[in-house]
Amino acid sequence: MGCFGNVVDSVKSFQFRQTLSQLITLGLIVATALTLWKGLMCITGTESPVIVVLSGSMEPGFRRGDILFLRMTKDPIRAGDIIVFNIDV
């Protein structure tokens, strides 16, 4: 019985370590994603540096599902510039 008890304890310990390792890895992935997002916000000067086209209103230039990277500039708006509005719901 002592040998069987040792095996059960080692399996429980392994599962705890594996679960703890997976939680730490998940935390690191989330922290990295947030850090990259905040870095992009600082570099581009926008609250949403990455957006997805939701409707077909921008076709044929951009299709639904396209990913756009935004940046703010102090340059005046010219013909051909794409303007993105932030609408509070």
PDB file of N, CA and C in Angstrom:
ATOM      1  N   MET A   1       0.821  -1.196   0.000  1.00  0.00           N
ATOM      2  CA  MET A   1       0.000   0.000   0.000  1.00  0.00           C
ATOM      3  C   MET A   1       0.858   1.250   0.000  1.00  0.00           C
ATOM      4  N   GLY A   2       2.028   1.181   0.634  1.00  0.00           N
ATOM      5  CA  GLY A   2       2.909   2.346   0.710  1.00  0.00           C
ATOM      6  C   GLY A   2       3.427   2.744  -0.660  1.00  0.00           C
ATOM      7  N   CYS A   3       3.731   1.762  -1.507  1.00  0.00           N
ATOM      8  CA  CYS A   3       4.218   2.040  -2.857  1.00  0.00           C
ATOM      9  C   CYS A   3       3.129   2.682  -3.705  1.00  0.00           C
ATOM     10  N   PHE A   4       1.906   2.164  -3.578  1.00  0.00           N
ATOM     11  CA  PHE A   4       0.780   2.718  -4.327  1.00  0.00           C
ATOM     12  C   PHE A   4       0.479   4.157  -3.881  1.00  0.00           C
ATOM     13  N   GLY A   5       0.568   4.402  -2.587  1.00  0.00           N
ATOM     14  CA  GLY A   5       0.345   5.753  -2.052  1.00  0.00           C
ATOM     15  C   GLY A   5       1.376   6.736  -2.582  1.00  0.00           C
ATOM     16  N   ASN A   6       2.629   6.306  -2.704  1.00  0.00           N
ATOM     17  CA  ASN A   6       3.683   7.176  -3.246  1.00  0.00           C
ATOM     18  C   ASN A   6       3.417   7.519  -4.704  1.00  0.00           C
ATOM     19  N   VAL A   7       2.930   6.547  -5.470  1.00  0.00           N
ATOM     20  CA  VAL A   7       2.623   6.785  -6.883  1.00  0.00           C
ATOM     21  C   VAL A   7       1.478   7.787  -7.008  1.00  0.00           C
ATOM     22  N   VAL A   8       0.439   7.636  -6.205  1.00  0.00           N
ATOM     23  CA  VAL A   8      -0.706   8.545  -6.240  1.00  0.00           C
ATOM     24  C   VAL A   8      -0.264   9.955  -5.860  1.00  0.00           C
ATOM     25  N   ASP A   9       0.561  10.074  -4.826  1.00  0.00           N
ATOM     26  CA  ASP A   9       1.050  11.384  -4.408  1.00  0.00           C
ATOM     27  C   ASP A   9       1.896  12.043  -5.497  1.00  0.00           C
ATOM     28  N   SER A  10       2.735  11.251  -6.181  1.00  0.00           N
ATOM     29  CA  SER A  10       3.572  11.830  -7.233  1.00  0.00           C
ATOM     30  C   SER A  10       2.725  12.269  -8.427  1.00  0.00           C
ATOM     31  N   VAL A  11       1.657  11.514  -8.752  1.00  0.00           N
ATOM     32  CA  VAL A  11       0.770  11.901  -9.855  1.00  0.00           C
ATOM     33  C   VAL A  11       0.028  13.178  -9.498  1.00  0.00           C
ATOM     34  N   LYS A  12      -0.491  13.291  -8.276  1.00  0.00           N
ATOM     35  CA  LYS A  12      -1.171  14.509  -7.835  1.00  0.00           C
ATOM     36  C   LYS A  12      -0.222  15.695  -7.882  1.00  0.00           C
ATOM     37  N   SER A  13       0.997  15.503  -7.430  1.00  0.00           N
ATOM     38  CA  SER A  13       1.993  16.573  -7.438  1.00  0.00           C
ATOM     39  C   SER A  13       2.316  16.994  -8.866  1.00  0.00           C
ATOM     40  N   PHE A  14       2.418  16.005  -9.781  1.00  0.00           N
ATOM     41  CA  PHE A  14       2.702  16.310 -11.189  1.00  0.00           C
ATOM     42  C   PHE A  14       1.562  17.105 -11.801  1.00  0.00           C
ATOM     43  N   GLN A  15       0.321  16.721 -11.521  1.00  0.00           N
ATOM     44  CA  GLN A  15      -0.822  17.445 -12.065  1.00  0.00           C
ATOM     45  C   GLN A  15      -0.871  18.870 -11.530  1.00  0.00           C
ATOM     46  N   PHE A  16      -0.548  19.058 -10.248  1.00  0.00           N
ATOM     47  CA  PHE A  16      -0.527  20.397  -9.677  1.00  0.00           C
ATOM     48  C   PHE A  16       0.544  21.238 -10.352  1.00  0.00           C
ATOM     49  N   ARG A  17       1.730  20.671 -10.539  1.00  0.00           N
ATOM     50  CA  ARG A  17       2.820  21.399 -11.195  1.00  0.00           C
ATOM     51  C   ARG A  17       2.472  21.730 -12.642  1.00  0.00           C
ATOM     52  N   GLN A  18       1.871  20.795 -13.339  1.00  0.00           N
ATOM     53  CA  GLN A  18       1.500  21.022 -14.729  1.00  0.00           C
ATOM     54  C   GLN A  18       0.433  22.111 -14.823  1.00  0.00           C
ATOM     55  N   THR A  19      -0.554  22.070 -13.946  1.00  0.00           N
ATOM     56  CA  THR A  19      -1.595  23.102 -13.932  1.00  0.00           C
ATOM     57  C   THR A  19      -1.006  24.464 -13.596  1.00  0.00           C
ATOM     58  N   LEU A  20      -0.135  24.510 -12.607  1.00  0.00           N
ATOM     59  CA  LEU A  20       0.525  25.758 -12.232  1.00  0.00           C
ATOM     60  C   LEU A  20       1.360  26.295 -13.387  1.00  0.00           C
ATOM     61  N   SER A  21       2.061  25.425 -14.068  1.00  0.00           N
ATOM     62  CA  SER A  21       2.863  25.830 -15.222  1.00  0.00           C
ATOM     63  C   SER A  21       1.992  26.389 -16.340  1.00  0.00           C
ATOM     64  N   GLN A  22       0.858  25.758 -16.595  1.00  0.00           N
ATOM     65  CA  GLN A  22      -0.050  26.244 -17.633  1.00  0.00           C
ATOM     66  C   GLN A  22      -0.643  27.594 -17.260  1.00  0.00           C
ATOM     67  N   LEU A  23      -0.980  27.807 -15.988  1.00  0.00           N
ATOM     68  CA  LEU A  23      -1.512  29.098 -15.550  1.00  0.00           C
ATOM     69  C   LEU A  23      -0.465  30.207 -15.678  1.00  0.00           C
ATOM     70  N   ILE A  24       0.767  29.904 -15.327  1.00  0.00           N
ATOM     71  CA  ILE A  24       1.846  30.887 -15.463  1.00  0.00           C
ATOM     72  C   ILE A  24       2.071  31.219 -16.936  1.00  0.00           C
ATOM     73  N   THR A  25       2.053  30.215 -17.789  1.00  0.00           N
ATOM     74  CA  THR A  25       2.225  30.445 -19.228  1.00  0.00           C
ATOM     75  C   THR A  25       1.097  31.308 -19.777  1.00  0.00           C
ATOM     76  N   LEU A  26      -0.141  31.014 -19.378  1.00  0.00           N
ATOM     77  CA  LEU A  26      -1.274  31.820 -19.811  1.00  0.00           C
ATOM     78  C   LEU A  26      -1.124  33.270 -19.338  1.00  0.00           C
ATOM     79  N   GLY A  27      -0.698  33.453 -18.105  1.00  0.00           N
ATOM     80  CA  GLY A  27      -0.476  34.797 -17.580  1.00  0.00           C
ATOM     81  C   GLY A  27       0.590  35.546 -18.362  1.00  0.00           C
ATOM     82  N   LEU A  28       1.657  34.858 -18.724  1.00  0.00           N
ATOM     83  CA  LEU A  28       2.716  35.489 -19.518  1.00  0.00           C
ATOM     84  C   LEU A  28       2.223  35.870 -20.909  1.00  0.00           C
ATOM     85  N   ILE A  29       1.400  35.030 -21.512  1.00  0.00           N
ATOM     86  CA  ILE A  29       0.858  35.335 -22.839  1.00  0.00           C
ATOM     87  C   ILE A  29      -0.038  36.568 -22.768  1.00  0.00           C
ATOM     88  N   VAL A  30      -0.909  36.626 -21.771  1.00  0.00           N
ATOM     89  CA  VAL A  30      -1.802  37.783 -21.619  1.00  0.00           C
ATOM     90  C   VAL A  30      -1.001  39.045 -21.343  1.00  0.00           C
ATOM     91  N   ALA A  31      -0.004  38.963 -20.465  1.00  0.00           N
ATOM     92  CA  ALA A  31       0.824  40.131 -20.150  1.00  0.00           C
ATOM     93  C   ALA A  31       1.589  40.612 -21.377  1.00  0.00           C
ATOM     94  N   THR A  32       2.085  39.700 -22.182  1.00  0.00           N
ATOM     95  CA  THR A  32       2.798  40.071 -23.403  1.00  0.00           C
ATOM     96  C   THR A  32       1.869  40.762 -24.384  1.00  0.00           C
ATOM     97  N   ALA A  33       0.662  40.231 -24.560  1.00  0.00           N
ATOM     98  CA  ALA A  33      -0.305  40.841 -25.479  1.00  0.00           C
ATOM     99  C   ALA A  33      -0.668  42.250 -25.024  1.00  0.00           C
ATOM    100  N   LEU A  34      -0.902  42.438 -23.727  1.00  0.00           N
ATOM    101  CA  LEU A  34      -1.231  43.771 -23.218  1.00  0.00           C
ATOM    102  C   LEU A  34      -0.064  44.739 -23.381  1.00  0.00           C
ATOM    103  N   THR A  35       1.135  44.260 -23.160  1.00  0.00           N
ATOM    104  CA  THR A  35       2.320  45.102 -23.326  1.00  0.00           C
ATOM    105  C   THR A  35       2.485  45.522 -24.780  1.00  0.00           C
ATOM    106  N   LEU A  36       2.302  44.592 -25.700  1.00  0.00           N
ATOM    107  CA  LEU A  36       2.390  44.933 -27.119  1.00  0.00           C
ATOM    108  C   LEU A  36       1.315  45.931 -27.510  1.00  0.00           C
ATOM    109  N   TRP A  37       0.094  45.754 -27.016  1.00  0.00           N
ATOM    110  CA  TRP A  37      -1.012  46.665 -27.329  1.00  0.00           C
ATOM    111  C   TRP A  37      -0.700  48.074 -26.812  1.00  0.00           C
ATOM    112  N   LYS A  38      -0.238  48.167 -25.562  1.00  0.00           N
ATOM    113  CA  LYS A  38       0.100  49.480 -24.998  1.00  0.00           C
ATOM    114  C   LYS A  38       1.267  50.110 -25.753  1.00  0.00           C
ATOM    115  N   GLY A  39       2.225  49.305 -26.159  1.00  0.00           N
ATOM    116  CA  GLY A  39       3.343  49.817 -26.947  1.00  0.00           C
ATOM    117  C   GLY A  39       2.873  50.370 -28.286  1.00  0.00           C
ATOM    118  N   LEU A  40       1.985  49.641 -28.952  1.00  0.00           N
ATOM    119  CA  LEU A  40       1.424  50.131 -30.213  1.00  0.00           C
ATOM    120  C   LEU A  40       0.634  51.415 -30.005  1.00  0.00           C
ATOM    121  N   MET A  41      -0.082  51.516 -28.875  1.00  0.00           N
ATOM    122  CA  MET A  41      -0.824  52.739 -28.583  1.00  0.00           C
ATOM    123  C   MET A  41       0.122  53.929 -28.459  1.00  0.00           C
ATOM    124  N   CYS A  42       1.242  53.735 -27.810  1.00  0.00           N
ATOM    125  CA  CYS A  42       2.215  54.825 -27.641  1.00  0.00           C
ATOM    126  C   CYS A  42       2.870  55.192 -28.967  1.00  0.00           C
ATOM    127  N   ILE A  43       3.203  54.215 -29.762  1.00  0.00           N
ATOM    128  CA  ILE A  43       3.896  54.464 -31.032  1.00  0.00           C
ATOM    129  C   ILE A  43       2.970  55.137 -32.040  1.00  0.00           C
ATOM    130  N   THR A  44       1.718  54.669 -32.133  1.00  0.00           N
ATOM    131  CA  THR A  44       0.809  55.187 -33.148  1.00  0.00           C
ATOM    132  C   THR A  44       0.018  56.405 -32.695  1.00  0.00           C
ATOM    133  N   GLY A  45      -0.104  56.625 -31.402  1.00  0.00           N
ATOM    134  CA  GLY A  45      -0.842  57.765 -30.891  1.00  0.00           C
ATOM    135  C   GLY A  45      -2.350  57.600 -30.938  1.00  0.00           C
ATOM    136  N   THR A  46      -2.844  56.374 -31.029  1.00  0.00           N
ATOM    137  CA  THR A  46      -4.286  56.126 -31.065  1.00  0.00           C
ATOM    138  C   THR A  46      -4.679  55.163 -29.960  1.00  0.00           C
ATOM    139  N   GLU A  47      -5.963  55.207 -29.587  1.00  0.00           N
ATOM    140  CA  GLU A  47      -6.465  54.255 -28.596  1.00  0.00           C
ATOM    141  C   GLU A  47      -6.661  52.871 -29.196  1.00  0.00           C
ATOM    142  N   SER A  48      -6.900  52.829 -30.495  1.00  0.00           N
ATOM    143  CA  SER A  48      -7.108  51.554 -31.194  1.00  0.00           C
ATOM    144  C   SER A  48      -6.146  51.477 -32.372  1.00  0.00           C
ATOM    145  N   PRO A  49      -4.917  51.009 -32.144  1.00  0.00           N
ATOM    146  CA  PRO A  49      -3.955  50.955 -33.239  1.00  0.00           C
ATOM    147  C   PRO A  49      -4.268  49.892 -34.287  1.00  0.00           C
ATOM    148  N   VAL A  50      -5.071  48.907 -33.929  1.00  0.00           N
ATOM    149  CA  VAL A  50      -5.425  47.830 -34.853  1.00  0.00           C
ATOM    150  C   VAL A  50      -6.948  47.716 -34.868  1.00  0.00           C
ATOM    151  N   ILE A  51      -7.551  47.785 -36.073  1.00  0.00           N
ATOM    152  CA  ILE A  51      -9.000  47.635 -36.194  1.00  0.00           C
ATOM    153  C   ILE A  51      -9.312  46.648 -37.308  1.00  0.00           C
ATOM    154  N   VAL A  52     -10.529  46.163 -37.308  1.00  0.00           N
ATOM    155  CA  VAL A  52     -11.001  45.230 -38.333  1.00  0.00           C
ATOM    156  C   VAL A  52     -12.161  45.896 -39.065  1.00  0.00           C
ATOM    157  N   VAL A  53     -12.158  45.805 -40.389  1.00  0.00           N
ATOM    158  CA  VAL A  53     -13.249  46.351 -41.192  1.00  0.00           C
ATOM    159  C   VAL A  53     -14.477  45.472 -40.972  1.00  0.00           C
ATOM    160  N   LEU A  54     -15.571  46.097 -40.506  1.00  0.00           N
ATOM    161  CA  LEU A  54     -16.761  45.333 -40.146  1.00  0.00           C
ATOM    162  C   LEU A  54     -17.823  45.290 -41.234  1.00  0.00           C
ATOM    163  N   SER A  55     -17.815  46.268 -42.133  1.00  0.00           N
ATOM    164  CA  SER A  55     -18.857  46.293 -43.153  1.00  0.00           C
ATOM    165  C   SER A  55     -18.224  46.425 -44.533  1.00  0.00           C
ATOM    166  N   GLY A  56     -19.044  46.338 -45.547  1.00  0.00           N
ATOM    167  CA  GLY A  56     -18.565  46.444 -46.912  1.00  0.00           C
ATOM    168  C   GLY A  56     -18.494  47.874 -47.421  1.00  0.00           C
ATOM    169  N   SER A  57     -18.606  48.855 -46.536  1.00  0.00           N
ATOM    170  CA  SER A  57     -18.652  50.249 -46.960  1.00  0.00           C
ATOM    171  C   SER A  57     -17.313  50.755 -47.492  1.00  0.00           C
ATOM    172  N   MET A  58     -16.228  50.038 -47.251  1.00  0.00           N
ATOM    173  CA  MET A  58     -14.913  50.495 -47.695  1.00  0.00           C
ATOM    174  C   MET A  58     -14.427  49.753 -48.943  1.00  0.00           C
ATOM    175  N   GLU A  59     -15.295  48.945 -49.531  1.00  0.00           N
ATOM    176  CA  GLU A  59     -14.917  48.216 -50.741  1.00  0.00           C
ATOM    177  C   GLU A  59     -14.850  49.174 -51.912  1.00  0.00           C
ATOM    178  N   PRO A  60     -14.036  49.003 -52.891  1.00  0.00           N
ATOM    179  CA  PRO A  60     -13.162  47.879 -53.179  1.00  0.00           C
ATOM    180  C   PRO A  60     -11.785  48.002 -52.514  1.00  0.00           C
ATOM    181  N   GLY A  61     -11.528  49.088 -51.796  1.00  0.00           N
ATOM    182  CA  GLY A  61     -10.208  49.249 -51.177  1.00  0.00           C
ATOM    183  C   GLY A  61      -9.940  48.239 -50.081  1.00  0.00           C
ATOM    184  N   PHE A  62     -10.910  48.072 -49.203  1.00  0.00           N
ATOM    185  CA  PHE A  62     -10.783  47.133 -48.093  1.00  0.00           C
ATOM    186  C   PHE A  62     -12.044  46.287 -48.031  1.00  0.00           C
ATOM    187  N   ARG A  63     -11.868  45.011 -47.772  1.00  0.00           N
ATOM    188  CA  ARG A  63     -13.003  44.092 -47.665  1.00  0.00           C
ATOM    189  C   ARG A  63     -13.309  43.825 -46.206  1.00  0.00           C
ATOM    190  N   ARG A  64     -14.507  43.266 -45.959  1.00  0.00           N
ATOM    191  CA  ARG A  64     -14.871  42.858 -44.595  1.00  0.00           C
ATOM    192  C   ARG A  64     -13.838  41.885 -44.057  1.00  0.00           C
ATOM    193  N   GLY A  65     -13.425  42.127 -42.811  1.00  0.00           N
ATOM    194  CA  GLY A  65     -12.464  41.243 -42.171  1.00  0.00           C
ATOM    195  C   GLY A  65     -11.019  41.667 -42.329  1.00  0.00           C
ATOM    196  N   ASP A  66     -10.748  42.668 -43.183  1.00  0.00           N
ATOM    197  CA  ASP A  66      -9.370  43.156 -43.320  1.00  0.00           C
ATOM    198  C   ASP A  66      -8.930  43.833 -42.025  1.00  0.00           C
ATOM    199  N   ILE A  67      -7.646  43.701 -41.701  1.00  0.00           N
ATOM    200  CA  ILE A  67      -7.080  44.312 -40.504  1.00  0.00           C
ATOM    201  C   ILE A  67      -6.330  45.569 -40.920  1.00  0.00           C
ATOM    202  N   LEU A  68      -6.630  46.674 -40.254  1.00  0.00           N
ATOM    203  CA  LEU A  68      -5.987  47.945 -40.552  1.00  0.00           C
ATOM    204  C   LEU A  68      -5.164  48.400 -39.353  1.00  0.00           C
ATOM    205  N   PHE A  69      -3.984  48.941 -39.612  1.00  0.00           N
ATOM    206  CA  PHE A  69      -3.147  49.537 -38.588  1.00  0.00           C
ATOM    207  C   PHE A  69      -3.271  51.047 -38.709  1.00  0.00           C
ATOM    208  N   LEU A  70      -3.662  51.694 -37.618  1.00  0.00           N
ATOM    209  CA  LEU A  70      -3.903  53.131 -37.629  1.00  0.00           C
ATOM    210  C   LEU A  70      -2.739  53.882 -37.000  1.00  0.00           C
ATOM    211  N   ARG A  71      -2.605  55.155 -37.398  1.00  0.00           N
ATOM    212  CA  ARG A  71      -1.643  56.029 -36.740  1.00  0.00           C
ATOM    213  C   ARG A  71      -2.170  57.450 -36.827  1.00  0.00           C
ATOM    214  N   MET A  72      -1.858  58.230 -35.823  1.00  0.00           N
ATOM    215  CA  MET A  72      -2.262  59.640 -35.793  1.00  0.00           C
ATOM    216  C   MET A  72      -1.081  60.483 -36.236  1.00  0.00           C
ATOM    217  N   THR A  73      -1.371  61.471 -37.080  1.00  0.00           N
ATOM    218  CA  THR A  73      -0.334  62.416 -37.495  1.00  0.00           C
ATOM    219  C   THR A  73      -0.870  63.822 -37.333  1.00  0.00           C
ATOM    220  N   LYS A  74       0.017  64.754 -37.332  1.00  0.00           N
ATOM    221  CA  LYS A  74      -0.378  66.159 -37.243  1.00  0.00           C
ATOM    222  C   LYS A  74      -0.547  66.762 -38.633  1.00  0.00           C
ATOM    223  N   ASP A  75      -0.309  65.960 -39.669  1.00  0.00           N
ATOM    224  CA  ASP A  75      -0.470  66.438 -41.043  1.00  0.00           C
ATOM    225  C   ASP A  75      -1.944  66.742 -41.312  1.00  0.00           C
ATOM    226  N   PRO A  76      -2.221  67.716 -42.164  1.00  0.00           N
ATOM    227  CA  PRO A  76      -3.626  67.991 -42.516  1.00  0.00           C
ATOM    228  C   PRO A  76      -4.209  66.828 -43.326  1.00  0.00           C
ATOM    229  N   ILE A  77      -5.518  66.685 -43.242  1.00  0.00           N
ATOM    230  CA  ILE A  77      -6.215  65.619 -43.977  1.00  0.00           C
ATOM    231  C   ILE A  77      -6.203  65.964 -45.459  1.00  0.00           C
ATOM    232  N   ARG A  78      -5.825  64.962 -46.276  1.00  0.00           N
ATOM    233  CA  ARG A  78      -5.752  65.151 -47.728  1.00  0.00           C
ATOM    234  C   ARG A  78      -6.656  64.152 -48.420  1.00  0.00           C
ATOM    235  N   ALA A  79      -6.852  64.370 -49.689  1.00  0.00           N
ATOM    236  CA  ALA A  79      -7.637  63.425 -50.488  1.00  0.00           C
ATOM    237  C   ALA A  79      -6.924  62.077 -50.493  1.00  0.00           C
ATOM    238  N   GLY A  80      -7.683  61.031 -50.312  1.00  0.00           N
ATOM    239  CA  GLY A  80      -7.113  59.687 -50.295  1.00  0.00           C
ATOM    240  C   GLY A  80      -6.838  59.172 -48.886  1.00  0.00           C
ATOM    241  N   ASP A  81      -6.855  60.061 -47.877  1.00  0.00           N
ATOM    242  CA  ASP A  81      -6.676  59.608 -46.493  1.00  0.00           C
ATOM    243  C   ASP A  81      -7.926  58.868 -46.021  1.00  0.00           C
ATOM    244  N   ILE A  82      -7.737  57.899 -45.181  1.00  0.00           N
ATOM    245  CA  ILE A  82      -8.850  57.145 -44.630  1.00  0.00           C
ATOM    246  C   ILE A  82      -9.109  57.660 -43.211  1.00  0.00           C
ATOM    247  N   ILE A  83     -10.347  58.054 -42.958  1.00  0.00           N
ATOM    248  CA  ILE A  83     -10.721  58.611 -41.667  1.00  0.00           C
ATOM    249  C   ILE A  83     -11.516  57.554 -40.905  1.00  0.00           C
ATOM    250  N   VAL A  84     -11.152  57.363 -39.652  1.00  0.00           N
ATOM    251  CA  VAL A  84     -11.842  56.397 -38.808  1.00  0.00           C
ATOM    252  C   VAL A  84     -12.501  57.153 -37.658  1.00  0.00           C
ATOM    253  N   PHE A  85     -13.792  56.903 -37.442  1.00  0.00           N
ATOM    254  CA  PHE A  85     -14.542  57.556 -36.381  1.00  0.00           C
ATOM    255  C   PHE A  85     -14.699  56.594 -35.230  1.00  0.00           C
ATOM    256  N   ASN A  86     -14.589  57.129 -34.013  1.00  0.00           N
ATOM    257  CA  ASN A  86     -14.832  56.347 -32.810  1.00  0.00           C
ATOM    258  C   ASN A  86     -16.202  56.752 -32.290  1.00  0.00           C
ATOM    259  N   ILE A  87     -17.166  55.868 -32.338  1.00  0.00           N
ATOM    260  CA  ILE A  87     -18.521  56.158 -31.923  1.00  0.00           C
ATOM    261  C   ILE A  87     -18.780  55.513 -30.568  1.00  0.00           C
ATOM    262  N   ASP A  88     -19.142  56.336 -29.585  1.00  0.00           N
ATOM    263  CA  ASP A  88     -19.495  55.801 -28.274  1.00  0.00           C
ATOM    264  C   ASP A  88     -20.928  55.303 -28.318  1.00  0.00           C
ATOM    265  N   VAL A  89     -21.133  54.095 -27.852  1.00  0.00           N
ATOM    266  CA  VAL A  89     -22.473  53.504 -27.894  1.00  0.00           C
ATOM    267  C   VAL A  89     -23.148  53.663 -26.565  1.00  0.00           C
TER     268      VAL A  89
END
